[in-house]
Amino acid sequence: MTITQMVQDQQRQRIAELGQQRRGKPHANPYGTPGMSLNDAGDYRKIVPVDEGVVRQVRQIAFDHMKNGYGVSDGEDISKAIRDYTMSLAPEKRLSASWTLNEIFHSEATRLGEYVHQRVPGWDWGEPFDTSILDGYRQGVDVDA
């Protein structure tokens, strides 16, 4: 048995034990973010209304990653911003709100990457470039070359 198989076996066993202990109680994901509810989650991967202030914050974090790390970071700042906002919501709304904010962040990061690549052909994530080219960038707006 490989290590991967042993770990998978332990996870299956742990999940089975948790299921037996919690019969009749709401499901809590032991591997997920504390406070996230999977009850009636359905397809949580949908865009839902979120506070415009946190949307601006998420877009600004994507911009800061590009300007300060050439598009690369450890992700702690975006995780904290999303977690802080979603934990202020009702548990059943947190998954979709978190998914929505992640989509907004990745969309903005992709837009920024395309913006830089149009001005610095051959550029790749993490490679230095003259960040002054970002002075003309407008967040959340598709910009032509």
Protein backbone atom coordinates (compact mmCIF):
# COMPACT_ATOMS: atom_id res chain seq x y z
CA MET A 1 0.00 0.00 0.00
CA THR A 2 1.40 3.42 -0.96
CA ILE A 3 1.44 6.43 1.34
CA THR A 4 -1.23 8.09 -0.79
CA GLN A 5 -3.49 5.06 -0.43
CA MET A 6 -2.90 5.01 3.33
CA VAL A 7 -3.83 8.69 3.64
CA GLN A 8 -6.94 8.21 1.49
CA ASP A 9 -7.94 5.21 3.60
CA GLN A 10 -7.53 7.24 6.80
CA GLN A 11 -9.62 10.06 5.34
CA ARG A 12 -12.41 7.66 4.34
CA GLN A 13 -12.36 6.13 7.81
CA ARG A 14 -12.47 9.55 9.50
CA ILE A 15 -15.37 10.66 7.31
CA ALA A 16 -17.28 7.47 8.08
CA GLU A 17 -16.70 7.95 11.83
CA LEU A 18 -17.89 11.55 11.68
CA GLY A 19 -20.97 10.51 9.74
CA GLN A 20 -21.89 7.94 12.40
CA GLN A 21 -21.33 10.40 15.25
CA ARG A 22 -23.41 13.16 13.72
CA ARG A 23 -26.46 11.33 12.37
CA GLY A 24 -29.40 13.66 12.52
CA LYS A 25 -27.20 16.71 13.09
CA PRO A 26 -26.27 19.32 10.45
CA HIS A 27 -23.22 18.33 8.42
CA ALA A 28 -19.97 20.09 9.25
CA ASN A 29 -17.07 19.73 6.84
CA PRO A 30 -14.06 18.71 8.97
CA TYR A 31 -11.69 19.80 6.21
CA GLY A 32 -13.35 23.09 5.30
CA THR A 33 -13.33 26.62 6.63
CA PRO A 34 -14.84 26.83 10.12
CA GLY A 35 -18.26 28.46 9.96
CA MET A 36 -19.05 27.32 6.43
CA SER A 37 -22.33 25.46 6.18
CA LEU A 38 -22.88 22.68 3.66
CA ASN A 39 -26.54 22.35 4.63
CA ASP A 40 -28.70 22.91 1.57
CA ALA A 41 -25.58 24.15 -0.23
CA GLY A 42 -26.67 22.72 -3.56
CA ASP A 43 -24.58 24.23 -6.30
CA TYR A 44 -22.87 26.98 -4.35
CA ARG A 45 -20.76 27.87 -7.39
CA LYS A 46 -22.87 30.82 -8.45
CA ILE A 47 -22.39 34.55 -8.54
CA VAL A 48 -24.31 36.20 -5.72
CA PRO A 49 -24.60 39.83 -4.66
CA VAL A 50 -21.74 40.91 -2.39
CA ASP A 51 -20.85 44.20 -0.76
CA GLU A 52 -19.33 46.64 -3.26
CA GLY A 53 -16.70 47.69 -0.71
CA VAL A 54 -15.32 44.16 -0.48
CA VAL A 55 -15.38 43.88 -4.29
CA ARG A 56 -13.18 46.99 -4.48
CA GLN A 57 -10.91 45.54 -1.80
CA VAL A 58 -10.57 42.22 -3.69
CA ARG A 59 -9.74 44.04 -6.94
CA GLN A 60 -7.21 46.22 -5.13
CA ILE A 61 -5.51 43.15 -3.70
CA ALA A 62 -5.19 41.70 -7.22
CA PHE A 63 -3.68 45.00 -8.36
CA ASP A 64 -1.28 45.06 -5.41
CA HIS A 65 -0.15 41.51 -6.23
CA MET A 66 0.67 42.64 -9.76
CA LYS A 67 2.42 45.83 -8.72
CA ASN A 68 4.34 44.46 -5.74
CA GLY A 69 4.93 40.84 -6.72
CA TYR A 70 4.57 40.87 -10.51
CA GLY A 71 1.32 38.92 -10.19
CA VAL A 72 2.50 36.48 -7.53
CA SER A 73 1.84 36.36 -3.76
CA ASP A 74 1.35 33.92 -0.92
CA GLY A 75 -2.42 34.56 -1.06
CA GLU A 76 -2.80 35.24 2.65
CA ASP A 77 -4.18 38.75 2.11
CA ILE A 78 -6.92 37.70 -0.32
CA SER A 79 -7.84 34.71 1.84
CA LYS A 80 -8.16 36.93 4.90
CA ALA A 81 -10.26 39.55 3.08
CA ILE A 82 -12.67 36.92 1.76
CA ARG A 83 -12.81 35.05 5.07
CA ASP A 84 -13.45 38.25 7.06
CA TYR A 85 -16.33 39.24 4.79
CA THR A 86 -17.94 35.82 4.47
CA MET A 87 -17.86 35.23 8.21
CA SER A 88 -20.08 38.30 8.59
CA LEU A 89 -22.79 36.56 6.56
CA ALA A 90 -25.32 33.88 7.50
CA PRO A 91 -23.66 30.44 7.29
CA GLU A 92 -25.81 29.28 4.36
CA LYS A 93 -24.68 32.29 2.28
CA ARG A 94 -20.94 31.97 2.92
CA LEU A 95 -19.98 29.38 0.30
CA SER A 96 -21.52 31.24 -2.62
CA ALA A 97 -20.19 34.60 -1.42
CA SER A 98 -16.71 33.14 -1.05
CA TRP A 99 -16.92 31.59 -4.51
CA THR A 100 -18.15 34.89 -5.98
CA LEU A 101 -15.27 36.87 -4.45
CA ASN A 102 -12.73 34.30 -5.63
CA GLU A 103 -14.14 34.59 -9.16
CA ILE A 104 -13.91 38.38 -9.00
CA PHE A 105 -10.31 38.17 -7.75
CA HIS A 106 -9.23 35.70 -10.44
CA SER A 107 -11.01 37.66 -13.15
CA GLU A 108 -9.21 40.85 -12.08
CA ALA A 109 -5.86 39.05 -11.86
CA THR A 110 -6.36 37.62 -15.35
CA ARG A 111 -7.32 41.06 -16.68
CA LEU A 112 -4.18 42.52 -15.12
CA GLY A 113 -2.02 39.76 -16.59
CA GLU A 114 -3.45 40.41 -20.05
CA TYR A 115 -2.91 44.15 -19.61
CA VAL A 116 0.76 43.65 -18.72
CA HIS A 117 1.28 41.05 -21.44
CA GLN A 118 -0.08 43.45 -24.09
CA ARG A 119 2.53 46.00 -23.06
CA VAL A 120 5.38 43.57 -22.35
CA PRO A 121 5.20 40.73 -24.89
CA GLY A 122 6.82 37.61 -23.55
CA TRP A 123 6.18 38.60 -19.94
CA ASP A 124 5.23 35.76 -17.58
CA TRP A 125 3.84 35.72 -14.04
CA GLY A 126 6.45 36.57 -11.43
CA GLU A 127 8.88 38.11 -13.92
CA PRO A 128 9.82 41.74 -13.19
CA PHE A 129 8.50 44.52 -15.43
CA ASP A 130 8.29 48.30 -15.23
CA THR A 131 5.29 48.68 -12.94
CA SER A 132 4.68 52.23 -14.13
CA ILE A 133 2.74 50.66 -17.03
CA LEU A 134 0.01 49.91 -14.48
CA ASP A 135 -0.61 53.64 -14.01
CA GLY A 136 -3.07 53.54 -16.93
CA TYR A 137 -4.94 50.47 -15.68
CA ARG A 138 -8.53 50.83 -14.55
CA GLN A 139 -9.81 48.13 -12.21
CA GLY A 140 -12.72 46.01 -13.36
CA VAL A 141 -12.73 47.52 -16.84
CA ASP A 142 -11.65 45.73 -20.00
CA VAL A 143 -8.99 47.92 -21.57
CA ASP A 144 -7.91 47.76 -25.19
CA ALA A 145 -4.22 47.70 -26.01
